[in-house]
């Protein structure tokens, strides 16, 4: 029993130690704004806008609002360019 406890105590810091590697790489999503439609579209969304003005023009007259894209990740292009360079 003591040997098992001792081995578990040795293994625990290795398991719980912080890692510098992310759990997964965020996908590239260059569009920072989403339109959330109301009315007949009832909650449908479109996260394909580079500016809030584009988004507002889209929902104007048909109802809805604009919100920040929670998956916006502008760094994807730089990461891809770095991966291609070593060839």
Protein backbone atom coordinates (compact mmCIF):
# COMPACT_ATOMS: atom_id res chain seq x y z
CA UNK A 1 0.00 0.00 0.00
CA UNK A 2 2.78 2.45 0.85
CA UNK A 3 4.59 1.69 -2.43
CA UNK A 4 1.42 2.46 -4.41
CA UNK A 5 0.91 5.73 -2.53
CA UNK A 6 4.55 6.67 -3.08
CA UNK A 7 4.37 5.96 -6.83
CA UNK A 8 1.12 7.92 -7.12
CA UNK A 9 2.73 10.87 -5.35
CA UNK A 10 5.63 10.78 -7.82
CA UNK A 11 3.37 10.58 -10.87
CA UNK A 12 0.92 13.29 -9.80
CA UNK A 13 3.17 16.34 -10.51
CA UNK A 14 3.97 15.01 -13.98
CA UNK A 15 0.29 14.60 -14.79
CA UNK A 16 -0.76 17.97 -13.38
CA UNK A 17 2.15 20.04 -14.69
CA UNK A 18 1.10 22.84 -17.04
CA UNK A 19 1.83 22.35 -20.70
CA UNK A 20 2.90 25.05 -23.13
CA UNK A 21 1.10 23.28 -25.99
CA UNK A 22 -2.58 24.16 -26.51
CA UNK A 23 -5.15 21.38 -26.37
CA UNK A 24 -6.03 22.12 -30.00
CA UNK A 25 -5.30 24.78 -32.57
CA UNK A 26 -8.07 27.29 -33.11
CA UNK A 27 -9.36 27.27 -36.69
CA UNK A 28 -8.76 30.33 -38.84
CA UNK A 29 -11.81 32.60 -38.83
CA UNK A 30 -11.08 36.06 -40.30
CA UNK A 31 -14.57 37.54 -39.81
CA UNK A 32 -15.03 39.52 -36.58
CA UNK A 33 -18.76 40.30 -36.92
CA UNK A 34 -21.94 38.20 -36.97
CA UNK A 35 -25.46 39.15 -38.00
CA UNK A 36 -28.21 37.56 -35.91
CA UNK A 37 -31.48 37.73 -37.83
CA UNK A 38 -34.97 38.12 -36.38
CA UNK A 39 -38.43 37.80 -37.91
CA UNK A 40 -38.88 34.86 -40.29
CA UNK A 41 -35.22 33.85 -39.93
CA UNK A 42 -35.75 33.67 -36.14
CA UNK A 43 -32.26 33.36 -34.65
CA UNK A 44 -30.32 32.41 -37.75
CA UNK A 45 -26.86 33.93 -37.94
CA UNK A 46 -24.19 34.77 -40.48
CA UNK A 47 -20.63 35.31 -39.25
CA UNK A 48 -19.15 36.53 -42.53
CA UNK A 49 -18.56 40.25 -42.04
CA UNK A 50 -15.24 42.09 -41.90
CA UNK A 51 -16.75 45.33 -40.57
CA UNK A 52 -19.69 46.20 -38.36
CA UNK A 53 -20.95 48.50 -41.13
CA UNK A 54 -21.27 45.52 -43.51
CA UNK A 55 -23.17 43.63 -40.86
CA UNK A 56 -25.50 46.54 -40.06
CA UNK A 57 -26.26 47.08 -43.76
CA UNK A 58 -27.25 43.43 -44.04
CA UNK A 59 -29.71 43.43 -41.13
CA UNK A 60 -31.10 46.86 -42.02
CA UNK A 61 -34.71 46.51 -43.11
CA UNK A 62 -34.97 42.77 -42.41
CA UNK A 63 -34.48 42.92 -38.65
CA UNK A 64 -31.77 41.65 -36.43
CA UNK A 65 -28.60 42.85 -34.79
CA UNK A 66 -24.83 42.52 -35.03
CA UNK A 67 -22.55 40.98 -32.44
CA UNK A 68 -18.85 40.11 -32.20
CA UNK A 69 -17.95 36.70 -33.60
CA UNK A 70 -16.97 34.55 -30.61
CA UNK A 71 -14.80 32.38 -32.85
CA UNK A 72 -12.88 35.25 -34.45
CA UNK A 73 -9.23 34.20 -34.86
CA UNK A 74 -7.15 36.52 -37.05
CA UNK A 75 -3.86 34.70 -36.40
CA UNK A 76 -4.57 31.66 -38.56
CA UNK A 77 -3.03 33.07 -41.74
CA UNK A 78 0.29 33.84 -40.02
CA UNK A 79 0.49 30.33 -38.57
CA UNK A 80 -0.11 28.79 -41.99
CA UNK A 81 2.52 30.98 -43.60
CA UNK A 82 5.10 29.87 -41.02
CA UNK A 83 4.29 26.21 -41.63
CA UNK A 84 4.75 26.57 -45.41
CA UNK A 85 8.05 28.43 -45.23
CA UNK A 86 10.39 25.46 -44.33
CA UNK A 87 9.78 23.69 -47.66
